[in-house]
Amino acid sequence: MRLDWYKTLPEGYRAMLELQNVVNKSSIEHKLLELIKIRASQINGCAHCLDMHTKDAIALGESEQRIHVLAAWREAPFYSPRERAALAWCEALTLISDKGAPEDIYSEIKKLFTPKEEVELTLAIAVINSWNRLAISFQSPVGDYVSKIKEE
């Protein structure tokens, strides 16, 4: 670890936790939120977050098969239309400098999520991207995370 940013700027860490708590209390399915966290972390190359969120997804009852092929979700038959829309939105927003937030992807979100869920999903994507950037920047440790989540 380069720097223990939690202790260096505890008010920043608390602010991130508060934002994460808003996401955790959202009406979006917890398994879907974990898929979003994993997909963004794959794109960003965040080993710390991948370790954490794959363990949390498994603790929630997510199948290892769906986790293993998540990077190729478009070609896999076992993601629902709602999950596909959320994953496409996650990729677009994680890679926002490439093409912005395309209207066709947003149209799918709008069909399958309520307005409140649209904001919750977008906030979840923003938060995991922020956690990724912090973990990568300060080289958070990888491998010692133990999930505290109980299966739904």
Protein backbone atom coordinates (compact mmCIF):
# COMPACT_ATOMS: atom_id res chain seq x y z
CA MET A 1 0.00 0.00 0.00
CA ARG A 2 1.38 3.37 -0.98
CA LEU A 3 -0.65 5.33 1.53
CA ASP A 4 -3.40 4.58 4.03
CA TRP A 5 -5.79 7.16 2.64
CA TYR A 6 -8.51 6.14 5.12
CA LYS A 7 -6.39 7.42 8.00
CA THR A 8 -4.79 10.28 6.08
CA LEU A 9 -8.14 11.87 5.20
CA PRO A 10 -10.80 10.21 7.39
CA GLU A 11 -13.47 12.77 6.45
CA GLY A 12 -13.00 11.78 2.79
CA TYR A 13 -13.35 8.11 3.68
CA ARG A 14 -16.50 8.84 5.73
CA ALA A 15 -17.97 10.80 2.80
CA MET A 16 -17.33 7.86 0.46
CA LEU A 17 -18.95 5.49 2.97
CA GLU A 18 -22.01 7.73 3.21
CA LEU A 19 -22.38 7.70 -0.57
CA GLN A 20 -21.90 3.92 -0.58
CA ASN A 21 -24.61 3.60 2.08
CA VAL A 22 -27.06 5.44 -0.20
CA VAL A 23 -26.28 2.90 -2.92
CA ASN A 24 -26.56 -0.03 -0.48
CA LYS A 25 -30.05 1.12 0.54
CA SER A 26 -31.24 1.50 -3.05
CA SER A 27 -34.12 -0.55 -4.43
CA ILE A 28 -31.87 -2.22 -7.01
CA GLU A 29 -31.21 -5.92 -6.46
CA HIS A 30 -28.02 -6.51 -4.48
CA LYS A 31 -26.78 -9.17 -6.91
CA LEU A 32 -27.14 -6.72 -9.78
CA LEU A 33 -25.24 -4.06 -7.83
CA GLU A 34 -22.40 -6.55 -7.30
CA LEU A 35 -22.33 -7.38 -11.03
CA ILE A 36 -22.02 -3.66 -11.75
CA LYS A 37 -19.18 -3.33 -9.23
CA ILE A 38 -17.38 -6.31 -10.74
CA ARG A 39 -17.79 -5.10 -14.33
CA ALA A 40 -16.56 -1.59 -13.62
CA SER A 41 -13.63 -3.03 -11.64
CA GLN A 42 -12.76 -5.33 -14.55
CA ILE A 43 -12.70 -2.38 -16.94
CA ASN A 44 -10.64 -0.27 -14.54
CA GLY A 45 -8.28 -3.12 -13.62
CA CYS A 46 -8.89 -2.85 -9.87
CA ALA A 47 -7.73 -6.11 -8.26
CA HIS A 48 -8.68 -4.95 -4.75
CA CYS A 49 -12.30 -4.28 -5.76
CA LEU A 50 -12.52 -7.42 -7.91
CA ASP A 51 -11.41 -9.51 -4.94
CA MET A 52 -13.98 -7.84 -2.71
CA HIS A 53 -16.99 -7.82 -5.01
CA THR A 54 -16.59 -11.31 -6.44
CA LYS A 55 -16.55 -12.62 -2.85
CA ASP A 56 -19.58 -10.48 -1.97
CA ALA A 57 -21.45 -11.65 -5.09
CA ILE A 58 -20.81 -15.29 -4.21
CA ALA A 59 -21.94 -14.62 -0.63
CA LEU A 60 -25.21 -13.26 -2.07
CA GLY A 61 -25.68 -16.49 -4.02
CA GLU A 62 -24.45 -15.32 -7.42
CA SER A 63 -23.17 -18.19 -9.57
CA GLU A 64 -19.48 -18.50 -10.27
CA GLN A 65 -20.32 -19.11 -13.94
CA ARG A 66 -21.99 -15.70 -14.29
CA ILE A 67 -19.09 -14.03 -12.51
CA HIS A 68 -16.49 -15.81 -14.65
CA VAL A 69 -18.04 -14.76 -17.97
CA LEU A 70 -19.13 -11.27 -16.92
CA ALA A 71 -16.47 -9.61 -19.08
CA ALA A 72 -18.21 -11.21 -22.10
CA TRP A 73 -21.80 -10.74 -20.91
CA ARG A 74 -23.07 -9.79 -24.38
CA GLU A 75 -22.25 -13.28 -25.65
CA ALA A 76 -23.57 -15.20 -22.64
CA PRO A 77 -27.21 -16.30 -22.54
CA PHE A 78 -27.74 -16.08 -18.80
CA TYR A 79 -28.15 -12.37 -18.08
CA SER A 80 -31.63 -10.86 -17.99
CA PRO A 81 -32.64 -7.88 -20.13
CA ARG A 82 -32.52 -5.70 -16.99
CA GLU A 83 -29.00 -6.91 -16.18
CA ARG A 84 -27.88 -6.38 -19.78
CA ALA A 85 -29.19 -2.83 -19.78
CA ALA A 86 -27.45 -2.10 -16.46
CA LEU A 87 -24.17 -3.63 -17.64
CA ALA A 88 -24.25 -1.63 -20.88
CA TRP A 89 -24.91 1.56 -18.87
CA CYS A 90 -22.06 0.63 -16.50
CA GLU A 91 -19.64 0.17 -19.38
CA ALA A 92 -20.73 3.41 -21.07
CA LEU A 93 -20.34 5.47 -17.89
CA THR A 94 -17.09 3.79 -16.85
CA LEU A 95 -15.68 4.57 -20.30
CA ILE A 96 -17.55 7.88 -20.60
CA SER A 97 -14.69 9.66 -22.36
CA ASP A 98 -15.06 7.25 -25.32
CA LYS A 99 -18.66 7.92 -26.38
CA GLY A 100 -20.39 9.77 -23.56
CA ALA A 101 -23.69 8.31 -22.35
CA PRO A 102 -25.29 7.08 -25.59
CA GLU A 103 -29.01 7.62 -26.09
CA ASP A 104 -29.66 4.04 -27.23
CA ILE A 105 -28.19 2.64 -24.00
CA TYR A 106 -30.09 5.16 -21.89
CA SER A 107 -33.32 4.25 -23.72
CA GLU A 108 -32.93 0.64 -22.52
CA ILE A 109 -32.33 1.81 -18.96
CA LYS A 110 -35.43 3.98 -19.15
CA LYS A 111 -37.56 1.01 -20.26
CA LEU A 112 -36.42 -1.31 -17.49
CA PHE A 113 -35.76 0.95 -14.49
CA THR A 114 -37.92 3.48 -12.69
CA PRO A 115 -36.63 7.08 -12.64
CA LYS A 116 -35.45 6.58 -9.05
CA GLU A 117 -33.66 3.36 -10.04
CA GLU A 118 -32.01 5.16 -12.97
CA VAL A 119 -30.43 7.56 -10.50
CA GLU A 120 -29.58 4.78 -8.04
CA LEU A 121 -27.90 2.75 -10.79
CA THR A 122 -25.97 5.74 -12.09
CA LEU A 123 -24.87 6.62 -8.56
CA ALA A 124 -23.77 3.01 -7.98
CA ILE A 125 -21.63 3.18 -11.13
CA ALA A 126 -20.14 6.53 -10.10
CA VAL A 127 -19.30 5.24 -6.62
CA ILE A 128 -17.58 2.03 -7.74
CA ASN A 129 -15.53 4.00 -10.25
CA SER A 130 -14.45 6.32 -7.41
CA TRP A 131 -13.55 3.37 -5.15
CA ASN A 132 -11.57 1.83 -8.06
CA ARG A 133 -9.59 5.01 -8.54
CA LEU A 134 -8.76 5.29 -4.85
CA ALA A 135 -7.79 1.62 -4.51
CA ILE A 136 -5.62 1.67 -7.63
CA SER A 137 -3.98 5.01 -6.77
CA PHE A 138 -2.95 3.95 -3.28
CA GLN A 139 -2.44 0.23 -4.09
CA SER A 140 -4.96 -1.19 -1.65
CA PRO A 141 -4.06 -4.75 -0.61
CA VAL A 142 -5.52 -7.68 -2.54
CA GLY A 143 -6.58 -11.08 -1.29
CA ASP A 144 -7.36 -10.67 2.38
CA TYR A 145 -10.97 -9.47 2.08
CA VAL A 146 -13.57 -11.61 3.85
CA SER A 147 -17.21 -10.97 2.93
CA LYS A 148 -19.56 -10.02 5.74
CA ILE A 149 -22.63 -10.42 3.51
CA LYS A 150 -25.14 -13.13 4.22
CA GLU A 151 -26.88 -14.85 1.30
CA GLU A 152 -30.26 -13.30 0.42
